[in-house]
Amino acid sequence: MNLTISGHHLDVTPAIREYVVAKLDRITRHFDQVVDITVLLSIEKPAEKERRQKAEVTVHVKGKDLFAECTSEDLYAAIDQLMDKLDRQVVRHKDKVQNHHHDAPKRTDATLS
């Protein structure tokens, strides 16, 4: 799994990096077919005093790309909300991918007579 964490108008500190990796562990625990994860952390325009910390993530899984974004006054709160959204998307995707159909019971010659 490739993980890219980048910042736009902010420096990604080791503490932020560890926090994101710890939160992404929950996602990879649910679904192990993750190919690539890209996280973008940014600060919006200073004129927008509320919700100016933004976190985005793109997860490339086998057959589909999942995207989520969240903004908040606090970067850590934005990351928490982002991981909650992404967790719901991953669980929903995993549920769609799994085969829930049961095989029909096979007929035997005794039941046909």
PDB file of N, CA and C in Angstrom:
ATOM      1  N   MET A   1       0.837  -1.169   0.000  1.00  0.00           N
ATOM      2  CA  MET A   1       0.000   0.000   0.000  1.00  0.00           C
ATOM      3  C   MET A   1       0.892   1.245   0.000  1.00  0.00           C
ATOM      4  N   ASN A   2       0.611   2.142  -0.923  1.00  0.00           N
ATOM      5  CA  ASN A   2       1.341   3.402  -0.992  1.00  0.00           C
ATOM      6  C   ASN A   2       0.570   4.467  -0.237  1.00  0.00           C
ATOM      7  N   LEU A   3       1.259   5.212   0.611  1.00  0.00           N
ATOM      8  CA  LEU A   3       0.629   6.267   1.395  1.00  0.00           C
ATOM      9  C   LEU A   3       1.346   7.575   1.118  1.00  0.00           C
ATOM     10  N   THR A   4       0.585   8.591   0.701  1.00  0.00           N
ATOM     11  CA  THR A   4       1.135   9.917   0.449  1.00  0.00           C
ATOM     12  C   THR A   4       0.371  10.917   1.299  1.00  0.00           C
ATOM     13  N   ILE A   5       1.102  11.632   2.160  1.00  0.00           N
ATOM     14  CA  ILE A   5       0.497  12.672   2.989  1.00  0.00           C
ATOM     15  C   ILE A   5       1.187  13.978   2.626  1.00  0.00           C
ATOM     16  N   SER A   6       0.405  14.947   2.146  1.00  0.00           N
ATOM     17  CA  SER A   6       0.992  16.223   1.761  1.00  0.00           C
ATOM     18  C   SER A   6       0.187  17.371   2.344  1.00  0.00           C
ATOM     19  N   GLY A   7       0.816  18.521   2.413  1.00  0.00           N
ATOM     20  CA  GLY A   7       0.169  19.699   2.964  1.00  0.00           C
ATOM     21  C   GLY A   7       0.176  20.837   1.971  1.00  0.00           C
ATOM     22  N   HIS A   8      -0.891  21.609   1.977  1.00  0.00           N
ATOM     23  CA  HIS A   8      -1.019  22.784   1.110  1.00  0.00           C
ATOM     24  C   HIS A   8      -1.148  23.987   2.032  1.00  0.00           C
ATOM     25  N   HIS A   9      -0.175  24.876   2.011  1.00  0.00           N
ATOM     26  CA  HIS A   9      -0.092  26.040   2.891  1.00  0.00           C
ATOM     27  C   HIS A   9       0.127  25.650   4.351  1.00  0.00           C
ATOM     28  N   LEU A  10       0.661  24.473   4.587  1.00  0.00           N
ATOM     29  CA  LEU A  10       1.043  24.084   5.940  1.00  0.00           C
ATOM     30  C   LEU A  10       2.093  22.984   5.859  1.00  0.00           C
ATOM     31  N   ASP A  11       2.888  22.899   6.921  1.00  0.00           N
ATOM     32  CA  ASP A  11       3.896  21.848   7.005  1.00  0.00           C
ATOM     33  C   ASP A  11       3.297  20.647   7.714  1.00  0.00           C
ATOM     34  N   VAL A  12       3.537  19.471   7.162  1.00  0.00           N
ATOM     35  CA  VAL A  12       3.046  18.244   7.777  1.00  0.00           C
ATOM     36  C   VAL A  12       4.087  17.805   8.796  1.00  0.00           C
ATOM     37  N   THR A  13       3.761  17.981  10.064  1.00  0.00           N
ATOM     38  CA  THR A  13       4.682  17.625  11.141  1.00  0.00           C
ATOM     39  C   THR A  13       4.633  16.124  11.384  1.00  0.00           C
ATOM     40  N   PRO A  14       5.659  15.586  12.025  1.00  0.00           N
ATOM     41  CA  PRO A  14       5.611  14.153  12.350  1.00  0.00           C
ATOM     42  C   PRO A  14       4.413  13.773  13.223  1.00  0.00           C
ATOM     43  N   ALA A  15       3.965  14.690  14.101  1.00  0.00           N
ATOM     44  CA  ALA A  15       2.800  14.395  14.949  1.00  0.00           C
ATOM     45  C   ALA A  15       1.539  14.257  14.099  1.00  0.00           C
ATOM     46  N   ILE A  16       1.363  15.146  13.134  1.00  0.00           N
ATOM     47  CA  ILE A  16       0.201  15.060  12.248  1.00  0.00           C
ATOM     48  C   ILE A  16       0.281  13.793  11.402  1.00  0.00           C
ATOM     49  N   ARG A  17       1.473  13.489  10.907  1.00  0.00           N
ATOM     50  CA  ARG A  17       1.660  12.289  10.087  1.00  0.00           C
ATOM     51  C   ARG A  17       1.306  11.028  10.882  1.00  0.00           C
ATOM     52  N   GLU A  18       1.772  10.939  12.122  1.00  0.00           N
ATOM     53  CA  GLU A  18       1.473   9.771  12.952  1.00  0.00           C
ATOM     54  C   GLU A  18      -0.019   9.678  13.253  1.00  0.00           C
ATOM     55  N   TYR A  19      -0.664  10.831  13.466  1.00  0.00           N
ATOM     56  CA  TYR A  19      -2.088  10.850  13.751  1.00  0.00           C
ATOM     57  C   TYR A  19      -2.889  10.320  12.559  1.00  0.00           C
ATOM     58  N   VAL A  20      -2.520  10.769  11.358  1.00  0.00           N
ATOM     59  CA  VAL A  20      -3.206  10.309  10.149  1.00  0.00           C
ATOM     60  C   VAL A  20      -2.980   8.815   9.933  1.00  0.00           C
ATOM     61  N   VAL A  21      -1.756   8.360  10.125  1.00  0.00           N
ATOM     62  CA  VAL A  21      -1.450   6.934   9.945  1.00  0.00           C
ATOM     63  C   VAL A  21      -2.222   6.089  10.957  1.00  0.00           C
ATOM     64  N   ALA A  22      -2.324   6.560  12.195  1.00  0.00           N
ATOM     65  CA  ALA A  22      -3.078   5.822  13.208  1.00  0.00           C
ATOM     66  C   ALA A  22      -4.560   5.740  12.848  1.00  0.00           C
ATOM     67  N   LYS A  23      -5.115   6.813  12.305  1.00  0.00           N
ATOM     68  CA  LYS A  23      -6.523   6.809  11.906  1.00  0.00           C
ATOM     69  C   LYS A  23      -6.743   5.939  10.670  1.00  0.00           C
ATOM     70  N   LEU A  24      -5.782   5.924   9.750  1.00  0.00           N
ATOM     71  CA  LEU A  24      -5.914   5.103   8.545  1.00  0.00           C
ATOM     72  C   LEU A  24      -5.806   3.616   8.857  1.00  0.00           C
ATOM     73  N   ASP A  25      -5.247   3.279   9.993  1.00  0.00           N
ATOM     74  CA  ASP A  25      -5.147   1.877  10.382  1.00  0.00           C
ATOM     75  C   ASP A  25      -6.533   1.258  10.518  1.00  0.00           C
ATOM     76  N   ARG A  26      -7.504   2.045  10.973  1.00  0.00           N
ATOM     77  CA  ARG A  26      -8.884   1.558  11.098  1.00  0.00           C
ATOM     78  C   ARG A  26      -9.463   1.218   9.720  1.00  0.00           C
ATOM     79  N   ILE A  27      -9.117   2.010   8.708  1.00  0.00           N
ATOM     80  CA  ILE A  27      -9.619   1.776   7.353  1.00  0.00           C
ATOM     81  C   ILE A  27      -9.018   0.493   6.784  1.00  0.00           C
ATOM     82  N   THR A  28      -7.721   0.329   6.935  1.00  0.00           N
ATOM     83  CA  THR A  28      -7.065  -0.853   6.377  1.00  0.00           C
ATOM     84  C   THR A  28      -7.440  -2.113   7.149  1.00  0.00           C
ATOM     85  N   ARG A  29      -7.895  -1.970   8.392  1.00  0.00           N
ATOM     86  CA  ARG A  29      -8.362  -3.127   9.160  1.00  0.00           C
ATOM     87  C   ARG A  29      -9.670  -3.661   8.589  1.00  0.00           C
ATOM     88  N   HIS A  30     -10.530  -2.749   8.111  1.00  0.00           N
ATOM     89  CA  HIS A  30     -11.803  -3.171   7.524  1.00  0.00           C
ATOM     90  C   HIS A  30     -11.623  -3.804   6.154  1.00  0.00           C
ATOM     91  N   PHE A  31     -10.703  -3.270   5.376  1.00  0.00           N
ATOM     92  CA  PHE A  31     -10.600  -3.662   3.974  1.00  0.00           C
ATOM     93  C   PHE A  31      -9.126  -3.731   3.617  1.00  0.00           C
ATOM     94  N   ASP A  32      -8.632  -4.916   3.322  1.00  0.00           N
ATOM     95  CA  ASP A  32      -7.201  -5.075   3.101  1.00  0.00           C
ATOM     96  C   ASP A  32      -6.776  -4.958   1.644  1.00  0.00           C
ATOM     97  N   GLN A  33      -7.708  -4.678   0.736  1.00  0.00           N
ATOM     98  CA  GLN A  33      -7.357  -4.575  -0.678  1.00  0.00           C
ATOM     99  C   GLN A  33      -7.096  -3.126  -1.100  1.00  0.00           C
ATOM    100  N   VAL A  34      -6.519  -2.321  -0.217  1.00  0.00           N
ATOM    101  CA  VAL A  34      -6.216  -0.931  -0.516  1.00  0.00           C
ATOM    102  C   VAL A  34      -4.910  -0.877  -1.300  1.00  0.00           C
ATOM    103  N   VAL A  35      -4.937  -0.183  -2.441  1.00  0.00           N
ATOM    104  CA  VAL A  35      -3.765  -0.088  -3.292  1.00  0.00           C
ATOM    105  C   VAL A  35      -2.975   1.180  -2.979  1.00  0.00           C
ATOM    106  N   ASP A  36      -3.674   2.307  -2.887  1.00  0.00           N
ATOM    107  CA  ASP A  36      -3.009   3.594  -2.757  1.00  0.00           C
ATOM    108  C   ASP A  36      -3.875   4.543  -1.935  1.00  0.00           C
ATOM    109  N   ILE A  37      -3.256   5.328  -1.053  1.00  0.00           N
ATOM    110  CA  ILE A  37      -3.964   6.331  -0.275  1.00  0.00           C
ATOM    111  C   ILE A  37      -3.228   7.659  -0.418  1.00  0.00           C
ATOM    112  N   THR A  38      -3.982   8.711  -0.767  1.00  0.00           N
ATOM    113  CA  THR A  38      -3.426  10.054  -0.872  1.00  0.00           C
ATOM    114  C   THR A  38      -4.192  10.967   0.067  1.00  0.00           C
ATOM    115  N   VAL A  39      -3.478  11.609   0.993  1.00  0.00           N
ATOM    116  CA  VAL A  39      -4.091  12.516   1.953  1.00  0.00           C
ATOM    117  C   VAL A  39      -3.554  13.917   1.682  1.00  0.00           C
ATOM    118  N   LEU A  40      -4.468  14.899   1.581  1.00  0.00           N
ATOM    119  CA  LEU A  40      -4.084  16.293   1.377  1.00  0.00           C
ATOM    120  C   LEU A  40      -4.664  17.120   2.510  1.00  0.00           C
ATOM    121  N   LEU A  41      -3.786  17.747   3.263  1.00  0.00           N
ATOM    122  CA  LEU A  41      -4.182  18.615   4.366  1.00  0.00           C
ATOM    123  C   LEU A  41      -3.894  20.046   3.945  1.00  0.00           C
ATOM    124  N   SER A  42      -4.871  20.952   4.124  1.00  0.00           N
ATOM    125  CA  SER A  42      -4.663  22.314   3.657  1.00  0.00           C
ATOM    126  C   SER A  42      -5.350  23.320   4.571  1.00  0.00           C
ATOM    127  N   ILE A  43      -4.939  24.572   4.417  1.00  0.00           N
ATOM    128  CA  ILE A  43      -5.567  25.683   5.107  1.00  0.00           C
ATOM    129  C   ILE A  43      -6.204  26.549   4.044  1.00  0.00           C
ATOM    130  N   GLU A  44      -7.506  26.810   4.205  1.00  0.00           N
ATOM    131  CA  GLU A  44      -8.249  27.615   3.231  1.00  0.00           C
ATOM    132  C   GLU A  44      -7.916  29.094   3.403  1.00  0.00           C
ATOM    133  N   LYS A  45      -8.599  29.926   2.664  1.00  0.00           N
ATOM    134  CA  LYS A  45      -8.383  31.365   2.697  1.00  0.00           C
ATOM    135  C   LYS A  45      -8.593  31.913   4.103  1.00  0.00           C
ATOM    136  N   PRO A  46      -7.769  32.855   4.524  1.00  0.00           N
ATOM    137  CA  PRO A  46      -7.930  33.424   5.872  1.00  0.00           C
ATOM    138  C   PRO A  46      -9.250  34.180   6.057  1.00  0.00           C
ATOM    139  N   ALA A  47      -9.896  34.597   4.987  1.00  0.00           N
ATOM    140  CA  ALA A  47     -11.169  35.312   5.103  1.00  0.00           C
ATOM    141  C   ALA A  47     -12.258  34.417   5.674  1.00  0.00           C
ATOM    142  N   GLU A  48     -12.156  33.118   5.422  1.00  0.00           N
ATOM    143  CA  GLU A  48     -13.130  32.168   5.962  1.00  0.00           C
ATOM    144  C   GLU A  48     -12.653  31.757   7.351  1.00  0.00           C
ATOM    145  N   LYS A  49     -13.106  32.493   8.362  1.00  0.00           N
ATOM    146  CA  LYS A  49     -12.599  32.252   9.713  1.00  0.00           C
ATOM    147  C   LYS A  49     -13.060  30.913  10.257  1.00  0.00           C
ATOM    148  N   GLU A  50     -14.256  30.508   9.902  1.00  0.00           N
ATOM    149  CA  GLU A  50     -14.741  29.207  10.343  1.00  0.00           C
ATOM    150  C   GLU A  50     -14.448  28.175   9.259  1.00  0.00           C
ATOM    151  N   ARG A  51     -14.202  26.978   9.707  1.00  0.00           N
ATOM    152  CA  ARG A  51     -13.975  25.849   8.791  1.00  0.00           C
ATOM    153  C   ARG A  51     -12.857  26.133   7.787  1.00  0.00           C
ATOM    154  N   ARG A  52     -11.725  26.533   8.266  1.00  0.00           N
ATOM    155  CA  ARG A  52     -10.659  26.816   7.322  1.00  0.00           C
ATOM    156  C   ARG A  52      -9.601  25.717   7.242  1.00  0.00           C
ATOM    157  N   GLN A  53      -9.652  24.746   8.132  1.00  0.00           N
ATOM    158  CA  GLN A  53      -8.751  23.599   8.060  1.00  0.00           C
ATOM    159  C   GLN A  53      -9.442  22.512   7.237  1.00  0.00           C
ATOM    160  N   LYS A  54      -8.778  22.046   6.197  1.00  0.00           N
ATOM    161  CA  LYS A  54      -9.419  21.094   5.285  1.00  0.00           C
ATOM    162  C   LYS A  54      -8.560  19.838   5.157  1.00  0.00           C
ATOM    163  N   ALA A  55      -9.231  18.703   5.167  1.00  0.00           N
ATOM    164  CA  ALA A  55      -8.556  17.415   4.979  1.00  0.00           C
ATOM    165  C   ALA A  55      -9.282  16.654   3.880  1.00  0.00           C
ATOM    166  N   GLU A  56      -8.518  16.121   2.933  1.00  0.00           N
ATOM    167  CA  GLU A  56      -9.068  15.334   1.827  1.00  0.00           C
ATOM    168  C   GLU A  56      -8.316  14.019   1.755  1.00  0.00           C
ATOM    169  N   VAL A  57      -9.011  12.994   1.328  1.00  0.00           N
ATOM    170  CA  VAL A  57      -8.350  11.698   1.139  1.00  0.00           C
ATOM    171  C   VAL A  57      -8.941  11.016  -0.087  1.00  0.00           C
ATOM    172  N   THR A  58      -8.071  10.386  -0.850  1.00  0.00           N
ATOM    173  CA  THR A  58      -8.470   9.550  -1.973  1.00  0.00           C
ATOM    174  C   THR A  58      -7.882   8.164  -1.730  1.00  0.00           C
ATOM    175  N   VAL A  59      -8.748   7.176  -1.704  1.00  0.00           N
ATOM    176  CA  VAL A  59      -8.314   5.798  -1.479  1.00  0.00           C
ATOM    177  C   VAL A  59      -8.601   5.018  -2.750  1.00  0.00           C
ATOM    178  N   HIS A  60      -7.556   4.454  -3.321  1.00  0.00           N
ATOM    179  CA  HIS A  60      -7.716   3.624  -4.520  1.00  0.00           C
ATOM    180  C   HIS A  60      -7.733   2.174  -4.070  1.00  0.00           C
ATOM    181  N   VAL A  61      -8.908   1.557  -4.190  1.00  0.00           N
ATOM    182  CA  VAL A  61      -9.049   0.141  -3.880  1.00  0.00           C
ATOM    183  C   VAL A  61      -9.246  -0.606  -5.186  1.00  0.00           C
ATOM    184  N   LYS A  62      -9.220  -1.890  -5.101  1.00  0.00           N
ATOM    185  CA  LYS A  62      -9.352  -2.706  -6.304  1.00  0.00           C
ATOM    186  C   LYS A  62     -10.690  -2.416  -6.981  1.00  0.00           C
ATOM    187  N   GLY A  63     -10.646  -1.744  -8.116  1.00  0.00           N
ATOM    188  CA  GLY A  63     -11.840  -1.500  -8.905  1.00  0.00           C
ATOM    189  C   GLY A  63     -12.539  -0.181  -8.669  1.00  0.00           C
ATOM    190  N   LYS A  64     -12.097   0.623  -7.692  1.00  0.00           N
ATOM    191  CA  LYS A  64     -12.828   1.854  -7.410  1.00  0.00           C
ATOM    192  C   LYS A  64     -11.954   2.846  -6.655  1.00  0.00           C
ATOM    193  N   ASP A  65     -12.246   4.135  -6.818  1.00  0.00           N
ATOM    194  CA  ASP A  65     -11.605   5.185  -6.034  1.00  0.00           C
ATOM    195  C   ASP A  65     -12.631   5.755  -5.070  1.00  0.00           C
ATOM    196  N   LEU A  66     -12.261   5.867  -3.811  1.00  0.00           N
ATOM    197  CA  LEU A  66     -13.127   6.451  -2.795  1.00  0.00           C
ATOM    198  C   LEU A  66     -12.544   7.804  -2.402  1.00  0.00           C
ATOM    199  N   PHE A  67     -13.388   8.841  -2.345  1.00  0.00           N
ATOM    200  CA  PHE A  67     -12.929  10.184  -2.022  1.00  0.00           C
ATOM    201  C   PHE A  67     -13.786  10.762  -0.906  1.00  0.00           C
ATOM    202  N   ALA A  68     -13.135  11.459   0.013  1.00  0.00           N
ATOM    203  CA  ALA A  68     -13.866  12.142   1.086  1.00  0.00           C
ATOM    204  C   ALA A  68     -13.101  13.408   1.439  1.00  0.00           C
ATOM    205  N   GLU A  69     -13.853  14.438   1.841  1.00  0.00           N
ATOM    206  CA  GLU A  69     -13.216  15.667   2.306  1.00  0.00           C
ATOM    207  C   GLU A  69     -14.024  16.229   3.461  1.00  0.00           C
ATOM    208  N   CYS A  70     -13.340  16.975   4.318  1.00  0.00           N
ATOM    209  CA  CYS A  70     -13.996  17.544   5.482  1.00  0.00           C
ATOM    210  C   CYS A  70     -13.257  18.804   5.897  1.00  0.00           C
ATOM    211  N   THR A  71     -14.017  19.801   6.357  1.00  0.00           N
ATOM    212  CA  THR A  71     -13.415  21.036   6.840  1.00  0.00           C
ATOM    213  C   THR A  71     -13.869  21.290   8.262  1.00  0.00           C
ATOM    214  N   SER A  72     -12.994  21.938   9.034  1.00  0.00           N
ATOM    215  CA  SER A  72     -13.302  22.248  10.421  1.00  0.00           C
ATOM    216  C   SER A  72     -12.382  23.371  10.879  1.00  0.00           C
ATOM    217  N   GLU A  73     -12.658  23.886  12.065  1.00  0.00           N
ATOM    218  CA  GLU A  73     -11.788  24.911  12.632  1.00  0.00           C
ATOM    219  C   GLU A  73     -10.473  24.306  13.102  1.00  0.00           C
ATOM    220  N   ASP A  74     -10.496  23.042  13.471  1.00  0.00           N
ATOM    221  CA  ASP A  74      -9.319  22.345  13.979  1.00  0.00           C
ATOM    222  C   ASP A  74      -8.933  21.241  12.996  1.00  0.00           C
ATOM    223  N   LEU A  75      -7.649  21.151  12.691  1.00  0.00           N
ATOM    224  CA  LEU A  75      -7.195  20.157  11.716  1.00  0.00           C
ATOM    225  C   LEU A  75      -7.425  18.731  12.217  1.00  0.00           C
ATOM    226  N   TYR A  76      -7.198  18.491  13.496  1.00  0.00           N
ATOM    227  CA  TYR A  76      -7.398  17.148  14.038  1.00  0.00           C
ATOM    228  C   TYR A  76      -8.876  16.754  14.008  1.00  0.00           C
ATOM    229  N   ALA A  77      -9.765  17.715  14.258  1.00  0.00           N
ATOM    230  CA  ALA A  77     -11.207  17.431  14.174  1.00  0.00           C
ATOM    231  C   ALA A  77     -11.595  17.127  12.732  1.00  0.00           C
ATOM    232  N   ALA A  78     -10.997  17.852  11.780  1.00  0.00           N
ATOM    233  CA  ALA A  78     -11.274  17.591  10.365  1.00  0.00           C
ATOM    234  C   ALA A  78     -10.805  16.194   9.975  1.00  0.00           C
ATOM    235  N   ILE A  79      -9.653  15.775  10.485  1.00  0.00           N
ATOM    236  CA  ILE A  79      -9.132  14.437  10.190  1.00  0.00           C
ATOM    237  C   ILE A  79     -10.055  13.376  10.790  1.00  0.00           C
ATOM    238  N   ASP A  80     -10.535  13.602  12.020  1.00  0.00           N
ATOM    239  CA  ASP A  80     -11.452  12.645  12.649  1.00  0.00           C
ATOM    240  C   ASP A  80     -12.736  12.490  11.842  1.00  0.00           C
ATOM    241  N   GLN A  81     -13.334  13.615  11.450  1.00  0.00           N
ATOM    242  CA  GLN A  81     -14.571  13.562  10.664  1.00  0.00           C
ATOM    243  C   GLN A  81     -14.323  12.903   9.311  1.00  0.00           C
ATOM    244  N   LEU A  82     -13.170  13.189   8.724  1.00  0.00           N
ATOM    245  CA  LEU A  82     -12.808  12.607   7.436  1.00  0.00           C
ATOM    246  C   LEU A  82     -12.708  11.093   7.526  1.00  0.00           C
ATOM    247  N   MET A  83     -12.070  10.598   8.571  1.00  0.00           N
ATOM    248  CA  MET A  83     -11.909   9.151   8.716  1.00  0.00           C
ATOM    249  C   MET A  83     -13.246   8.468   8.992  1.00  0.00           C
ATOM    250  N   ASP A  84     -14.156   9.163   9.690  1.00  0.00           N
ATOM    251  CA  ASP A  84     -15.495   8.591   9.898  1.00  0.00           C
ATOM    252  C   ASP A  84     -16.227   8.442   8.567  1.00  0.00           C
ATOM    253  N   LYS A  85     -16.154   9.473   7.718  1.00  0.00           N
ATOM    254  CA  LYS A  85     -16.793   9.398   6.394  1.00  0.00           C
ATOM    255  C   LYS A  85     -16.176   8.288   5.559  1.00  0.00           C
ATOM    256  N   LEU A  86     -14.852   8.240   5.566  1.00  0.00           N
ATOM    257  CA  LEU A  86     -14.152   7.245   4.758  1.00  0.00           C
ATOM    258  C   LEU A  86     -14.442   5.830   5.264  1.00  0.00           C
ATOM    259  N   ASP A  87     -14.539   5.675   6.558  1.00  0.00           N
ATOM    260  CA  ASP A  87     -14.848   4.367   7.138  1.00  0.00           C
ATOM    261  C   ASP A  87     -16.205   3.864   6.653  1.00  0.00           C
ATOM    262  N   ARG A  88     -17.202   4.748   6.635  1.00  0.00           N
ATOM    263  CA  ARG A  88     -18.525   4.353   6.144  1.00  0.00           C
ATOM    264  C   ARG A  88     -18.459   3.971   4.662  1.00  0.00           C
ATOM    265  N   GLN A  89     -17.696   4.725   3.877  1.00  0.00           N
ATOM    266  CA  GLN A  89     -17.584   4.405   2.449  1.00  0.00           C
ATOM    267  C   GLN A  89     -16.901   3.063   2.233  1.00  0.00           C
ATOM    268  N   VAL A  90     -15.844   2.795   2.990  1.00  0.00           N
ATOM    269  CA  VAL A  90     -15.105   1.536   2.834  1.00  0.00           C
ATOM    270  C   VAL A  90     -15.979   0.352   3.235  1.00  0.00           C
ATOM    271  N   VAL A  91     -16.727   0.485   4.324  1.00  0.00           N
ATOM    272  CA  VAL A  91     -17.603  -0.612   4.760  1.00  0.00           C
ATOM    273  C   VAL A  91     -18.688  -0.862   3.715  1.00  0.00           C
ATOM    274  N   ARG A  92     -19.245   0.231   3.161  1.00  0.00           N
ATOM    275  CA  ARG A  92     -20.283   0.087   2.127  1.00  0.00           C
ATOM    276  C   ARG A  92     -19.702  -0.577   0.872  1.00  0.00           C
ATOM    277  N   HIS A  93     -18.492  -0.181   0.480  1.00  0.00           N
ATOM    278  CA  HIS A  93     -17.851  -0.777  -0.696  1.00  0.00           C
ATOM    279  C   HIS A  93     -17.537  -2.254  -0.447  1.00  0.00           C
ATOM    280  N   LYS A  94     -17.058  -2.565   0.733  1.00  0.00           N
ATOM    281  CA  LYS A  94     -16.745  -3.953   1.063  1.00  0.00           C
ATOM    282  C   LYS A  94     -17.998  -4.812   1.023  1.00  0.00           C
ATOM    283  N   ASP A  95     -19.117  -4.262   1.509  1.00  0.00           N
ATOM    284  CA  ASP A  95     -20.376  -4.987   1.505  1.00  0.00           C
ATOM    285  C   ASP A  95     -20.857  -5.243   0.079  1.00  0.00           C
ATOM    286  N   LYS A  96     -20.649  -4.290  -0.820  1.00  0.00           N
ATOM    287  CA  LYS A  96     -21.049  -4.469  -2.221  1.00  0.00           C
ATOM    288  C   LYS A  96     -20.174  -5.500  -2.923  1.00  0.00           C
ATOM    289  N   VAL A  97     -18.896  -5.519  -2.585  1.00  0.00           N
ATOM    290  CA  VAL A  97     -17.957  -6.411  -3.266  1.00  0.00           C
ATOM    291  C   VAL A  97     -18.148  -7.860  -2.843  1.00  0.00           C
ATOM    292  N   GLN A  98     -18.486  -8.080  -1.573  1.00  0.00           N
ATOM    293  CA  GLN A  98     -18.630  -9.443  -1.077  1.00  0.00           C
ATOM    294  C   GLN A  98     -19.805 -10.128  -1.757  1.00  0.00           C
ATOM    295  N   ASN A  99     -19.665 -11.407  -1.979  1.00  0.00           N
ATOM    296  CA  ASN A  99     -20.719 -12.198  -2.595  1.00  0.00           C
ATOM    297  C   ASN A  99     -21.648 -12.694  -1.500  1.00  0.00           C
ATOM    298  N   HIS A 100     -22.876 -12.180  -1.479  1.00  0.00           N
ATOM    299  CA  HIS A 100     -23.841 -12.576  -0.466  1.00  0.00           C
ATOM    300  C   HIS A 100     -24.810 -13.635  -0.965  1.00  0.00           C
ATOM    301  N   HIS A 101     -24.647 -14.084  -2.184  1.00  0.00           N
ATOM    302  CA  HIS A 101     -25.555 -15.070  -2.734  1.00  0.00           C
ATOM    303  C   HIS A 101     -25.130 -16.465  -2.299  1.00  0.00           C
ATOM    304  N   HIS A 102     -26.090 -17.234  -1.917  1.00  0.00           N
ATOM    305  CA  HIS A 102     -25.823 -18.611  -1.513  1.00  0.00           C
ATOM    306  C   HIS A 102     -26.121 -19.524  -2.703  1.00  0.00           C
ATOM    307  N   ASP A 103     -25.343 -20.561  -2.813  1.00  0.00           N
ATOM    308  CA  ASP A 103     -25.598 -21.527  -3.869  1.00  0.00           C
ATOM    309  C   ASP A 103     -26.890 -22.280  -3.583  1.00  0.00           C
ATOM    310  N   ALA A 104     -27.636 -22.510  -4.633  1.00  0.00           N
ATOM    311  CA  ALA A 104     -28.882 -23.267  -4.488  1.00  0.00           C
ATOM    312  C   ALA A 104     -28.529 -24.713  -4.161  1.00  0.00           C
ATOM    313  N   PRO A 105     -29.345 -25.347  -3.373  1.00  0.00           N
ATOM    314  CA  PRO A 105     -29.061 -26.759  -3.079  1.00  0.00           C
ATOM    315  C   PRO A 105     -29.128 -27.577  -4.367  1.00  0.00           C
ATOM    316  N   LYS A 106     -28.200 -28.483  -4.485  1.00  0.00           N
ATOM    317  CA  LYS A 106     -28.151 -29.299  -5.702  1.00  0.00           C
ATOM    318  C   LYS A 106     -29.245 -30.364  -5.663  1.00  0.00           C
ATOM    319  N   ARG A 107     -29.799 -30.578  -6.820  1.00  0.00           N
ATOM    320  CA  ARG A 107     -30.838 -31.618  -6.930  1.00  0.00           C
ATOM    321  C   ARG A 107     -30.185 -32.988  -7.002  1.00  0.00           C
ATOM    322  N   THR A 108     -30.849 -33.904  -6.419  1.00  0.00           N
ATOM    323  CA  THR A 108     -30.393 -35.289  -6.542  1.00  0.00           C
ATOM    324  C   THR A 108     -31.465 -36.059  -7.313  1.00  0.00           C
ATOM    325  N   ASP A 109     -31.104 -37.186  -7.842  1.00  0.00           N
ATOM    326  CA  ASP A 109     -32.035 -37.988  -8.610  1.00  0.00           C
ATOM    327  C   ASP A 109     -33.194 -38.509  -7.751  1.00  0.00           C
ATOM    328  N   ALA A 110     -32.956 -38.691  -6.460  1.00  0.00           N
ATOM    329  CA  ALA A 110     -33.997 -39.222  -5.582  1.00  0.00           C
ATOM    330  C   ALA A 110     -35.134 -38.212  -5.406  1.00  0.00           C
ATOM    331  N   THR A 111     -34.812 -36.932  -5.432  1.00  0.00           N
ATOM    332  CA  THR A 111     -35.855 -35.919  -5.235  1.00  0.00           C
ATOM    333  C   THR A 111     -36.637 -35.686  -6.514  1.00  0.00           C
ATOM    334  N   LEU A 112     -36.103 -36.040  -7.653  1.00  0.00           N
ATOM    335  CA  LEU A 112     -36.783 -35.830  -8.910  1.00  0.00           C
ATOM    336  C   LEU A 112     -37.828 -36.925  -9.172  1.00  0.00           C
ATOM    337  N   SER A 113     -37.678 -38.098  -8.612  1.00  0.00           N
ATOM    338  CA  SER A 113     -38.574 -39.209  -8.882  1.00  0.00           C
ATOM    339  C   SER A 113     -39.897 -39.072  -8.198  1.00  0.00           C
TER     340      SER A 113
END
